[in-house]
Amino acid sequence: LQMNSLKPEDTAVYYCAAVVGSYIYTREASYDYWGQGTQVT
């Protein structure tokens, strides 16, 4: 995830997620696997 022109409101823990599938998914419940997160301030 390349993040440019960052704003203060982008501050958060960012999580990577994965699901076996062929489409794009925007809902949290669609994903089966999650990383531990990385802090962006």
PDB file of all heavy atoms in Angstrom:
ATOM      1  N   LEU A   1       0.855  -1.173   0.000  1.00  0.00           N
ATOM      2  CA  LEU A   1       0.000   0.000   0.000  1.00  0.00           C
ATOM      3  C   LEU A   1       0.897   1.230   0.000  1.00  0.00           C
ATOM      4  O   LEU A   1       1.509   1.553   1.018  1.00  0.00           O
ATOM      5  CB  LEU A   1      -0.934   0.021   1.212  1.00  0.00           C
ATOM      6  CG  LEU A   1      -1.963   1.153   1.217  1.00  0.00           C
ATOM      7  CD1 LEU A   1      -2.982   0.954   0.099  1.00  0.00           C
ATOM      8  CD2 LEU A   1      -2.665   1.250   2.568  1.00  0.00           C
ATOM      9  N   GLN A   2       0.985   1.881  -1.148  1.00  0.00           N
ATOM     10  CA  GLN A   2       1.736   3.120  -1.264  1.00  0.00           C
ATOM     11  C   GLN A   2       0.832   4.268  -0.865  1.00  0.00           C
ATOM     12  O   GLN A   2      -0.229   4.465  -1.462  1.00  0.00           O
ATOM     13  CB  GLN A   2       2.239   3.310  -2.698  1.00  0.00           C
ATOM     14  CG  GLN A   2       2.994   4.610  -2.931  1.00  0.00           C
ATOM     15  CD  GLN A   2       4.295   4.669  -2.184  1.00  0.00           C
ATOM     16  OE1 GLN A   2       5.067   3.719  -2.218  1.00  0.00           O
ATOM     17  NE2 GLN A   2       4.548   5.778  -1.501  1.00  0.00           N
ATOM     18  N   MET A   3       1.235   5.026   0.139  1.00  0.00           N
ATOM     19  CA  MET A   3       0.422   6.105   0.682  1.00  0.00           C
ATOM     20  C   MET A   3       1.150   7.426   0.462  1.00  0.00           C
ATOM     21  O   MET A   3       2.225   7.650   1.017  1.00  0.00           O
ATOM     22  CB  MET A   3       0.150   5.883   2.166  1.00  0.00           C
ATOM     23  CG  MET A   3      -0.477   4.528   2.480  1.00  0.00           C
ATOM     24  SD  MET A   3      -0.918   4.342   4.226  1.00  0.00           S
ATOM     25  CE  MET A   3       0.722   4.383   4.961  1.00  0.00           C
ATOM     26  N   ASN A   4       0.558   8.294  -0.336  1.00  0.00           N
ATOM     27  CA  ASN A   4       1.109   9.601  -0.626  1.00  0.00           C
ATOM     28  C   ASN A   4       0.181  10.691  -0.103  1.00  0.00           C
ATOM     29  O   ASN A   4      -0.989  10.451   0.175  1.00  0.00           O
ATOM     30  CB  ASN A   4       1.313   9.782  -2.130  1.00  0.00           C
ATOM     31  CG  ASN A   4       2.290   8.801  -2.723  1.00  0.00           C
ATOM     32  OD1 ASN A   4       3.261   8.397  -2.076  1.00  0.00           O
ATOM     33  ND2 ASN A   4       2.057   8.412  -3.977  1.00  0.00           N
ATOM     34  N   SER A   5       0.718  11.891   0.001  1.00  0.00           N
ATOM     35  CA  SER A   5      -0.062  13.048   0.459  1.00  0.00           C
ATOM     36  C   SER A   5      -0.814  12.737   1.741  1.00  0.00           C
ATOM     37  O   SER A   5      -2.009  13.005   1.870  1.00  0.00           O
ATOM     38  CB  SER A   5      -1.030  13.504  -0.638  1.00  0.00           C
ATOM     39  OG  SER A   5      -0.338  13.845  -1.822  1.00  0.00           O
ATOM     40  N   LEU A   6      -0.119  12.177   2.695  1.00  0.00           N
ATOM     41  CA  LEU A   6      -0.751  11.725   3.927  1.00  0.00           C
ATOM     42  C   LEU A   6      -1.308  12.892   4.731  1.00  0.00           C
ATOM     43  O   LEU A   6      -0.732  13.980   4.760  1.00  0.00           O
ATOM     44  CB  LEU A   6       0.233  10.928   4.764  1.00  0.00           C
ATOM     45  CG  LEU A   6       0.470   9.499   4.262  1.00  0.00           C
ATOM     46  CD1 LEU A   6       1.747   8.929   4.854  1.00  0.00           C
ATOM     47  CD2 LEU A   6      -0.729   8.620   4.602  1.00  0.00           C
ATOM     48  N   LYS A   7      -2.426  12.631   5.385  1.00  0.00           N
ATOM     49  CA  LYS A   7      -3.119  13.603   6.207  1.00  0.00           C
ATOM     50  C   LYS A   7      -3.187  13.103   7.643  1.00  0.00           C
ATOM     51  O   LYS A   7      -3.138  11.898   7.885  1.00  0.00           O
ATOM     52  CB  LYS A   7      -4.541  13.826   5.681  1.00  0.00           C
ATOM     53  CG  LYS A   7      -4.627  14.225   4.219  1.00  0.00           C
ATOM     54  CD  LYS A   7      -6.078  14.275   3.763  1.00  0.00           C
ATOM     55  CE  LYS A   7      -6.182  14.653   2.297  1.00  0.00           C
ATOM     56  NZ  LYS A   7      -7.597  14.682   1.837  1.00  0.00           N
ATOM     57  N   PRO A   8      -3.332  14.007   8.612  1.00  0.00           N
ATOM     58  CA  PRO A   8      -3.457  13.555  10.002  1.00  0.00           C
ATOM     59  C   PRO A   8      -4.589  12.548  10.208  1.00  0.00           C
ATOM     60  O   PRO A   8      -4.454  11.648  11.040  1.00  0.00           O
ATOM     61  CB  PRO A   8      -3.715  14.853  10.771  1.00  0.00           C
ATOM     62  CG  PRO A   8      -3.017  15.892   9.957  1.00  0.00           C
ATOM     63  CD  PRO A   8      -3.232  15.475   8.527  1.00  0.00           C
ATOM     64  N   GLU A   9      -5.675  12.673   9.465  1.00  0.00           N
ATOM     65  CA  GLU A   9      -6.783  11.742   9.611  1.00  0.00           C
ATOM     66  C   GLU A   9      -6.479  10.350   9.081  1.00  0.00           C
ATOM     67  O   GLU A   9      -7.285   9.431   9.254  1.00  0.00           O
ATOM     68  CB  GLU A   9      -8.055  12.289   8.945  1.00  0.00           C
ATOM     69  CG  GLU A   9      -7.858  12.705   7.499  1.00  0.00           C
ATOM     70  CD  GLU A   9      -7.653  14.201   7.339  1.00  0.00           C
ATOM     71  OE1 GLU A   9      -6.877  14.780   8.128  1.00  0.00           O
ATOM     72  OE2 GLU A   9      -8.271  14.790   6.436  1.00  0.00           O
ATOM     73  N   ASP A  10      -5.332  10.168   8.432  1.00  0.00           N
ATOM     74  CA  ASP A  10      -4.889   8.841   8.022  1.00  0.00           C
ATOM     75  C   ASP A  10      -4.243   8.073   9.168  1.00  0.00           C
ATOM     76  O   ASP A  10      -3.928   6.885   9.014  1.00  0.00           O
ATOM     77  CB  ASP A  10      -3.897   8.929   6.864  1.00  0.00           C
ATOM     78  CG  ASP A  10      -4.521   9.484   5.596  1.00  0.00           C
ATOM     79  OD1 ASP A  10      -5.668   9.113   5.278  1.00  0.00           O
ATOM     80  OD2 ASP A  10      -3.852  10.285   4.912  1.00  0.00           O
ATOM     81  N   THR A  11      -4.025   8.727  10.290  1.00  0.00           N
ATOM     82  CA  THR A  11      -3.409   8.080  11.439  1.00  0.00           C
ATOM     83  C   THR A  11      -4.273   6.919  11.916  1.00  0.00           C
ATOM     84  O   THR A  11      -5.457   7.090  12.215  1.00  0.00           O
ATOM     85  CB  THR A  11      -3.202   9.081  12.580  1.00  0.00           C
ATOM     86  OG1 THR A  11      -2.266  10.079  12.166  1.00  0.00           O
ATOM     87  CG2 THR A  11      -2.678   8.389  13.826  1.00  0.00           C
ATOM     88  N   ALA A  12      -3.687   5.734  11.985  1.00  0.00           N
ATOM     89  CA  ALA A  12      -4.416   4.534  12.372  1.00  0.00           C
ATOM     90  C   ALA A  12      -3.465   3.351  12.376  1.00  0.00           C
ATOM     91  O   ALA A  12      -2.329   3.442  11.903  1.00  0.00           O
ATOM     92  CB  ALA A  12      -5.573   4.260  11.401  1.00  0.00           C
ATOM     93  N   VAL A  13      -3.941   2.241  12.908  1.00  0.00           N
ATOM     94  CA  VAL A  13      -3.277   0.965  12.705  1.00  0.00           C
ATOM     95  C   VAL A  13      -3.804   0.380  11.409  1.00  0.00           C
ATOM     96  O   VAL A  13      -5.018   0.272  11.220  1.00  0.00           O
ATOM     97  CB  VAL A  13      -3.530  -0.008  13.875  1.00  0.00           C
ATOM     98  CG1 VAL A  13      -2.892  -1.364  13.584  1.00  0.00           C
ATOM     99  CG2 VAL A  13      -2.982   0.567  15.167  1.00  0.00           C
ATOM    100  N   TYR A  14      -2.906   0.013  10.522  1.00  0.00           N
ATOM    101  CA  TYR A  14      -3.274  -0.522   9.225  1.00  0.00           C
ATOM    102  C   TYR A  14      -3.127  -2.033   9.218  1.00  0.00           C
ATOM    103  O   TYR A  14      -2.087  -2.569   9.615  1.00  0.00           O
ATOM    104  CB  TYR A  14      -2.418   0.104   8.122  1.00  0.00           C
ATOM    105  CG  TYR A  14      -2.860   1.504   7.775  1.00  0.00           C
ATOM    106  CD1 TYR A  14      -2.643   2.552   8.658  1.00  0.00           C
ATOM    107  CD2 TYR A  14      -3.519   1.773   6.575  1.00  0.00           C
ATOM    108  CE1 TYR A  14      -3.074   3.833   8.353  1.00  0.00           C
ATOM    109  CE2 TYR A  14      -3.942   3.049   6.260  1.00  0.00           C
ATOM    110  CZ  TYR A  14      -3.722   4.076   7.161  1.00  0.00           C
ATOM    111  OH  TYR A  14      -4.141   5.350   6.854  1.00  0.00           O
ATOM    112  N   TYR A  15      -4.172  -2.713   8.759  1.00  0.00           N
ATOM    113  CA  TYR A  15      -4.221  -4.163   8.751  1.00  0.00           C
ATOM    114  C   TYR A  15      -4.314  -4.699   7.332  1.00  0.00           C
ATOM    115  O   TYR A  15      -5.067  -4.173   6.509  1.00  0.00           O
ATOM    116  CB  TYR A  15      -5.438  -4.670   9.528  1.00  0.00           C
ATOM    117  CG  TYR A  15      -5.423  -4.354  11.004  1.00  0.00           C
ATOM    118  CD1 TYR A  15      -5.994  -3.189  11.491  1.00  0.00           C
ATOM    119  CD2 TYR A  15      -4.840  -5.235  11.909  1.00  0.00           C
ATOM    120  CE1 TYR A  15      -5.994  -2.897  12.839  1.00  0.00           C
ATOM    121  CE2 TYR A  15      -4.835  -4.952  13.258  1.00  0.00           C
ATOM    122  CZ  TYR A  15      -5.414  -3.785  13.719  1.00  0.00           C
ATOM    123  OH  TYR A  15      -5.409  -3.510  15.063  1.00  0.00           O
ATOM    124  N   CYS A  16      -3.584  -5.747   7.077  1.00  0.00           N
ATOM    125  CA  CYS A  16      -3.679  -6.507   5.844  1.00  0.00           C
ATOM    126  C   CYS A  16      -4.631  -7.677   6.062  1.00  0.00           C
ATOM    127  O   CYS A  16      -4.658  -8.274   7.139  1.00  0.00           O
ATOM    128  CB  CYS A  16      -2.292  -7.004   5.448  1.00  0.00           C
ATOM    129  SG  CYS A  16      -2.235  -8.010   3.958  1.00  0.00           S
ATOM    130  N   ALA A  17      -5.418  -8.004   5.042  1.00  0.00           N
ATOM    131  CA  ALA A  17      -6.380  -9.091   5.145  1.00  0.00           C
ATOM    132  C   ALA A  17      -6.413  -9.889   3.854  1.00  0.00           C
ATOM    133  O   ALA A  17      -6.112  -9.370   2.778  1.00  0.00           O
ATOM    134  CB  ALA A  17      -7.776  -8.547   5.458  1.00  0.00           C
ATOM    135  N   ALA A  18      -6.806 -11.162   3.964  1.00  0.00           N
ATOM    136  CA  ALA A  18      -6.832 -12.059   2.820  1.00  0.00           C
ATOM    137  C   ALA A  18      -8.077 -12.928   2.839  1.00  0.00           C
ATOM    138  O   ALA A  18      -8.588 -13.279   3.905  1.00  0.00           O
ATOM    139  CB  ALA A  18      -5.591 -12.948   2.808  1.00  0.00           C
ATOM    140  N   VAL A  19      -8.540 -13.279   1.655  1.00  0.00           N
ATOM    141  CA  VAL A  19      -9.653 -14.207   1.504  1.00  0.00           C
ATOM    142  C   VAL A  19      -9.483 -14.942   0.182  1.00  0.00           C
ATOM    143  O   VAL A  19      -9.053 -14.350  -0.815  1.00  0.00           O
ATOM    144  CB  VAL A  19     -11.015 -13.481   1.558  1.00  0.00           C
ATOM    145  CG1 VAL A  19     -11.132 -12.431   0.457  1.00  0.00           C
ATOM    146  CG2 VAL A  19     -12.161 -14.471   1.480  1.00  0.00           C
ATOM    147  N   VAL A  20      -9.796 -16.237   0.182  1.00  0.00           N
ATOM    148  CA  VAL A  20      -9.783 -16.993  -1.064  1.00  0.00           C
ATOM    149  C   VAL A  20     -10.971 -16.537  -1.891  1.00  0.00           C
ATOM    150  O   VAL A  20     -12.122 -16.675  -1.477  1.00  0.00           O
ATOM    151  CB  VAL A  20      -9.849 -18.505  -0.804  1.00  0.00           C
ATOM    152  CG1 VAL A  20      -9.930 -19.260  -2.127  1.00  0.00           C
ATOM    153  CG2 VAL A  20      -8.634 -18.961  -0.013  1.00  0.00           C
ATOM    154  N   GLY A  21     -10.704 -15.985  -3.050  1.00  0.00           N
ATOM    155  CA  GLY A  21     -11.774 -15.483  -3.887  1.00  0.00           C
ATOM    156  C   GLY A  21     -11.232 -14.887  -5.161  1.00  0.00           C
ATOM    157  O   GLY A  21     -10.021 -14.755  -5.355  1.00  0.00           O
ATOM    158  N   SER A  22     -12.157 -14.496  -6.030  1.00  0.00           N
ATOM    159  CA  SER A  22     -11.797 -13.988  -7.347  1.00  0.00           C
ATOM    160  C   SER A  22     -12.198 -12.540  -7.557  1.00  0.00           C
ATOM    161  O   SER A  22     -12.026 -12.018  -8.659  1.00  0.00           O
ATOM    162  CB  SER A  22     -12.459 -14.841  -8.433  1.00  0.00           C
ATOM    163  OG  SER A  22     -12.061 -16.194  -8.335  1.00  0.00           O
ATOM    164  N   TYR A  23     -12.708 -11.884  -6.515  1.00  0.00           N
ATOM    165  CA  TYR A  23     -13.244 -10.549  -6.662  1.00  0.00           C
ATOM    166  C   TYR A  23     -12.566  -9.587  -5.702  1.00  0.00           C
ATOM    167  O   TYR A  23     -11.670  -9.954  -4.953  1.00  0.00           O
ATOM    168  CB  TYR A  23     -14.761 -10.573  -6.418  1.00  0.00           C
ATOM    169  CG  TYR A  23     -15.477 -11.626  -7.217  1.00  0.00           C
ATOM    170  CD1 TYR A  23     -15.915 -12.799  -6.619  1.00  0.00           C
ATOM    171  CD2 TYR A  23     -15.697 -11.456  -8.577  1.00  0.00           C
ATOM    172  CE1 TYR A  23     -16.568 -13.779  -7.347  1.00  0.00           C
ATOM    173  CE2 TYR A  23     -16.343 -12.430  -9.317  1.00  0.00           C
ATOM    174  CZ  TYR A  23     -16.781 -13.587  -8.697  1.00  0.00           C
ATOM    175  OH  TYR A  23     -17.418 -14.546  -9.443  1.00  0.00           O
ATOM    176  N   ILE A  24     -13.005  -8.343  -5.729  1.00  0.00           N
ATOM    177  CA  ILE A  24     -12.573  -7.355  -4.758  1.00  0.00           C
ATOM    178  C   ILE A  24     -13.639  -7.264  -3.676  1.00  0.00           C
ATOM    179  O   ILE A  24     -14.834  -7.363  -3.956  1.00  0.00           O
ATOM    180  CB  ILE A  24     -12.318  -5.981  -5.405  1.00  0.00           C
ATOM    181  CG1 ILE A  24     -13.539  -5.520  -6.222  1.00  0.00           C
ATOM    182  CG2 ILE A  24     -11.081  -6.046  -6.294  1.00  0.00           C
ATOM    183  CD1 ILE A  24     -13.409  -4.108  -6.758  1.00  0.00           C
ATOM    184  N   TYR A  25     -13.197  -7.072  -2.441  1.00  0.00           N
ATOM    185  CA  TYR A  25     -14.101  -7.096  -1.298  1.00  0.00           C
ATOM    186  C   TYR A  25     -13.842  -5.877  -0.428  1.00  0.00           C
ATOM    187  O   TYR A  25     -12.696  -5.563  -0.113  1.00  0.00           O
ATOM    188  CB  TYR A  25     -13.908  -8.375  -0.486  1.00  0.00           C
ATOM    189  CG  TYR A  25     -14.059  -9.624  -1.313  1.00  0.00           C
ATOM    190  CD1 TYR A  25     -12.953 -10.241  -1.886  1.00  0.00           C
ATOM    191  CD2 TYR A  25     -15.313 -10.193  -1.523  1.00  0.00           C
ATOM    192  CE1 TYR A  25     -13.091 -11.383  -2.654  1.00  0.00           C
ATOM    193  CE2 TYR A  25     -15.459 -11.339  -2.288  1.00  0.00           C
ATOM    194  CZ  TYR A  25     -14.344 -11.931  -2.850  1.00  0.00           C
ATOM    195  OH  TYR A  25     -14.482 -13.071  -3.613  1.00  0.00           O
ATOM    196  N   THR A  26     -14.908  -5.210  -0.025  1.00  0.00           N
ATOM    197  CA  THR A  26     -14.805  -3.995   0.773  1.00  0.00           C
ATOM    198  C   THR A  26     -15.293  -4.166   2.204  1.00  0.00           C
ATOM    199  O   THR A  26     -15.111  -3.263   3.015  1.00  0.00           O
ATOM    200  CB  THR A  26     -15.597  -2.853   0.128  1.00  0.00           C
ATOM    201  OG1 THR A  26     -16.991  -3.188   0.081  1.00  0.00           O
ATOM    202  CG2 THR A  26     -15.101  -2.603  -1.296  1.00  0.00           C
ATOM    203  N   ARG A  27     -15.897  -5.297   2.520  1.00  0.00           N
ATOM    204  CA  ARG A  27     -16.445  -5.516   3.858  1.00  0.00           C
ATOM    205  C   ARG A  27     -15.490  -6.331   4.714  1.00  0.00           C
ATOM    206  O   ARG A  27     -14.917  -7.322   4.268  1.00  0.00           O
ATOM    207  CB  ARG A  27     -17.804  -6.211   3.777  1.00  0.00           C
ATOM    208  CG  ARG A  27     -18.892  -5.359   3.145  1.00  0.00           C
ATOM    209  CD  ARG A  27     -20.209  -6.103   3.094  1.00  0.00           C
ATOM    210  NE  ARG A  27     -21.308  -5.255   2.668  1.00  0.00           N
ATOM    211  CZ  ARG A  27     -21.608  -5.010   1.403  1.00  0.00           C
ATOM    212  NH1 ARG A  27     -20.898  -5.547   0.426  1.00  0.00           N
ATOM    213  NH2 ARG A  27     -22.633  -4.213   1.109  1.00  0.00           N
ATOM    214  N   GLU A  28     -15.348  -5.920   5.950  1.00  0.00           N
ATOM    215  CA  GLU A  28     -14.482  -6.611   6.892  1.00  0.00           C
ATOM    216  C   GLU A  28     -14.848  -8.081   7.017  1.00  0.00           C
ATOM    217  O   GLU A  28     -13.972  -8.950   7.090  1.00  0.00           O
ATOM    218  CB  GLU A  28     -14.564  -5.923   8.254  1.00  0.00           C
ATOM    219  CG  GLU A  28     -13.707  -6.556   9.338  1.00  0.00           C
ATOM    220  CD  GLU A  28     -13.836  -5.828  10.661  1.00  0.00           C
ATOM    221  OE1 GLU A  28     -14.564  -4.813  10.720  1.00  0.00           O
ATOM    222  OE2 GLU A  28     -13.203  -6.265  11.647  1.00  0.00           O
ATOM    223  N   ALA A  29     -16.152  -8.382   7.015  1.00  0.00           N
ATOM    224  CA  ALA A  29     -16.616  -9.744   7.221  1.00  0.00           C
ATOM    225  C   ALA A  29     -16.267 -10.664   6.060  1.00  0.00           C
ATOM    226  O   ALA A  29     -16.363 -11.885   6.198  1.00  0.00           O
ATOM    227  CB  ALA A  29     -18.123  -9.746   7.451  1.00  0.00           C
ATOM    228  N   SER A  30     -15.867 -10.118   4.928  1.00  0.00           N
ATOM    229  CA  SER A  30     -15.524 -10.937   3.777  1.00  0.00           C
ATOM    230  C   SER A  30     -14.174 -11.625   3.924  1.00  0.00           C
ATOM    231  O   SER A  30     -13.901 -12.592   3.217  1.00  0.00           O
ATOM    232  CB  SER A  30     -15.515 -10.093   2.501  1.00  0.00           C
ATOM    233  OG  SER A  30     -16.813  -9.580   2.223  1.00  0.00           O
ATOM    234  N   TYR A  31     -13.336 -11.134   4.814  1.00  0.00           N
ATOM    235  CA  TYR A  31     -11.963 -11.617   4.928  1.00  0.00           C
ATOM    236  C   TYR A  31     -11.805 -12.646   6.034  1.00  0.00           C
ATOM    237  O   TYR A  31     -12.382 -12.512   7.114  1.00  0.00           O
ATOM    238  CB  TYR A  31     -11.014 -10.442   5.144  1.00  0.00           C
ATOM    239  CG  TYR A  31     -10.916  -9.558   3.926  1.00  0.00           C
ATOM    240  CD1 TYR A  31     -11.818  -8.520   3.718  1.00  0.00           C
ATOM    241  CD2 TYR A  31      -9.936  -9.782   2.967  1.00  0.00           C
ATOM    242  CE1 TYR A  31     -11.748  -7.726   2.583  1.00  0.00           C
ATOM    243  CE2 TYR A  31      -9.854  -8.993   1.832  1.00  0.00           C
ATOM    244  CZ  TYR A  31     -10.764  -7.970   1.647  1.00  0.00           C
ATOM    245  OH  TYR A  31     -10.685  -7.187   0.514  1.00  0.00           O
ATOM    246  N   ASP A  32     -11.003 -13.658   5.755  1.00  0.00           N
ATOM    247  CA  ASP A  32     -10.795 -14.761   6.690  1.00  0.00           C
ATOM    248  C   ASP A  32      -9.507 -14.643   7.493  1.00  0.00           C
ATOM    249  O   ASP A  32      -9.423 -15.190   8.596  1.00  0.00           O
ATOM    250  CB  ASP A  32     -10.772 -16.093   5.935  1.00  0.00           C
ATOM    251  CG  ASP A  32     -12.095 -16.414   5.271  1.00  0.00           C
ATOM    252  OD1 ASP A  32     -13.144 -16.187   5.899  1.00  0.00           O
ATOM    253  OD2 ASP A  32     -12.080 -16.902   4.121  1.00  0.00           O
ATOM    254  N   TYR A  33      -8.513 -13.962   6.955  1.00  0.00           N
ATOM    255  CA  TYR A  33      -7.196 -13.902   7.584  1.00  0.00           C
ATOM    256  C   TYR A  33      -6.752 -12.466   7.735  1.00  0.00           C
ATOM    257  O   TYR A  33      -6.939 -11.639   6.834  1.00  0.00           O
ATOM    258  CB  TYR A  33      -6.170 -14.692   6.760  1.00  0.00           C
ATOM    259  CG  TYR A  33      -6.605 -16.105   6.476  1.00  0.00           C
ATOM    260  CD1 TYR A  33      -7.108 -16.457   5.234  1.00  0.00           C
ATOM    261  CD2 TYR A  33      -6.524 -17.082   7.460  1.00  0.00           C
ATOM    262  CE1 TYR A  33      -7.522 -17.753   4.972  1.00  0.00           C
ATOM    263  CE2 TYR A  33      -6.937 -18.376   7.211  1.00  0.00           C
ATOM    264  CZ  TYR A  33      -7.433 -18.708   5.963  1.00  0.00           C
ATOM    265  OH  TYR A  33      -7.845 -19.992   5.713  1.00  0.00           O
ATOM    266  N   TRP A  34      -6.114 -12.172   8.877  1.00  0.00           N
ATOM    267  CA  TRP A  34      -5.702 -10.819   9.209  1.00  0.00           C
ATOM    268  C   TRP A  34      -4.294 -10.789   9.766  1.00  0.00           C
ATOM    269  O   TRP A  34      -3.877 -11.695  10.492  1.00  0.00           O
ATOM    270  CB  TRP A  34      -6.651 -10.212  10.245  1.00  0.00           C
ATOM    271  CG  TRP A  34      -8.032 -10.010   9.722  1.00  0.00           C
ATOM    272  CD1 TRP A  34      -9.030 -10.938   9.664  1.00  0.00           C
ATOM    273  CD2 TRP A  34      -8.571  -8.806   9.180  1.00  0.00           C
ATOM    274  NE1 TRP A  34     -10.164 -10.384   9.108  1.00  0.00           N
ATOM    275  CE2 TRP A  34      -9.912  -9.079   8.806  1.00  0.00           C
ATOM    276  CE3 TRP A  34      -8.056  -7.528   8.973  1.00  0.00           C
ATOM    277  CZ2 TRP A  34     -10.735  -8.109   8.237  1.00  0.00           C
ATOM    278  CZ3 TRP A  34      -8.871  -6.564   8.408  1.00  0.00           C
ATOM    279  CH2 TRP A  34     -10.191  -6.863   8.050  1.00  0.00           C
ATOM    280  N   GLY A  35      -3.558  -9.739   9.430  1.00  0.00           N
ATOM    281  CA  GLY A  35      -2.266  -9.510  10.034  1.00  0.00           C
ATOM    282  C   GLY A  35      -2.403  -8.828  11.382  1.00  0.00           C
ATOM    283  O   GLY A  35      -3.505  -8.521  11.848  1.00  0.00           O
ATOM    284  N   GLN A  36      -1.263  -8.583  12.026  1.00  0.00           N
ATOM    285  CA  GLN A  36      -1.260  -7.995  13.365  1.00  0.00           C
ATOM    286  C   GLN A  36      -1.380  -6.477  13.350  1.00  0.00           C
ATOM    287  O   GLN A  36      -1.640  -5.869  14.391  1.00  0.00           O
ATOM    288  CB  GLN A  36       0.018  -8.404  14.107  1.00  0.00           C
ATOM    289  CG  GLN A  36       1.254  -7.554  13.808  1.00  0.00           C
ATOM    290  CD  GLN A  36       1.819  -7.755  12.413  1.00  0.00           C
ATOM    291  OE1 GLN A  36       1.499  -8.730  11.727  1.00  0.00           O
ATOM    292  NE2 GLN A  36       2.681  -6.832  11.986  1.00  0.00           N
ATOM    293  N   GLY A  37      -1.185  -5.865  12.209  1.00  0.00           N
ATOM    294  CA  GLY A  37      -1.297  -4.426  12.073  1.00  0.00           C
ATOM    295  C   GLY A  37       0.029  -3.709  12.197  1.00  0.00           C
ATOM    296  O   GLY A  37       0.965  -4.189  12.835  1.00  0.00           O
ATOM    297  N   THR A  38       0.102  -2.535  11.581  1.00  0.00           N
ATOM    298  CA  THR A  38       1.268  -1.672  11.690  1.00  0.00           C
ATOM    299  C   THR A  38       0.795  -0.234  11.868  1.00  0.00           C
ATOM    300  O   THR A  38      -0.135   0.209  11.202  1.00  0.00           O
ATOM    301  CB  THR A  38       2.189  -1.812  10.460  1.00  0.00           C
ATOM    302  OG1 THR A  38       3.381  -1.048  10.653  1.00  0.00           O
ATOM    303  CG2 THR A  38       1.500  -1.351   9.182  1.00  0.00           C
ATOM    304  N   GLN A  39       1.422   0.484  12.791  1.00  0.00           N
ATOM    305  CA  GLN A  39       0.978   1.828  13.152  1.00  0.00           C
ATOM    306  C   GLN A  39       1.472   2.857  12.155  1.00  0.00           C
ATOM    307  O   GLN A  39       2.658   2.896  11.816  1.00  0.00           O
ATOM    308  CB  GLN A  39       1.478   2.190  14.556  1.00  0.00           C
ATOM    309  CG  GLN A  39       1.125   3.606  15.001  1.00  0.00           C
ATOM    310  CD  GLN A  39      -0.353   3.779  15.272  1.00  0.00           C
ATOM    311  OE1 GLN A  39      -0.955   2.972  15.974  1.00  0.00           O
ATOM    312  NE2 GLN A  39      -0.941   4.837  14.698  1.00  0.00           N
ATOM    313  N   VAL A  40       0.564   3.710  11.712  1.00  0.00           N
ATOM    314  CA  VAL A  40       0.888   4.860  10.881  1.00  0.00           C
ATOM    315  C   VAL A  40       0.435   6.110  11.615  1.00  0.00           C
ATOM    316  O   VAL A  40      -0.738   6.231  11.976  1.00  0.00           O
ATOM    317  CB  VAL A  40       0.211   4.785   9.504  1.00  0.00           C
ATOM    318  CG1 VAL A  40       0.409   6.088   8.732  1.00  0.00           C
ATOM    319  CG2 VAL A  40       0.748   3.610   8.714  1.00  0.00           C
ATOM    320  N   THR A  41       1.354   7.031  11.845  1.00  0.00           N
ATOM    321  CA  THR A  41       1.048   8.283  12.522  1.00  0.00           C
ATOM    322  C   THR A  41       1.453   9.442  11.630  1.00  0.00           C
ATOM    323  O   THR A  41       2.611   9.543  11.216  1.00  0.00           O
ATOM    324  CB  THR A  41       1.779   8.376  13.869  1.00  0.00           C
ATOM    325  OG1 THR A  41       1.407   7.277  14.703  1.00  0.00           O
ATOM    326  CG2 THR A  41       1.426   9.678  14.578  1.00  0.00           C
TER     327      THR A  41
END
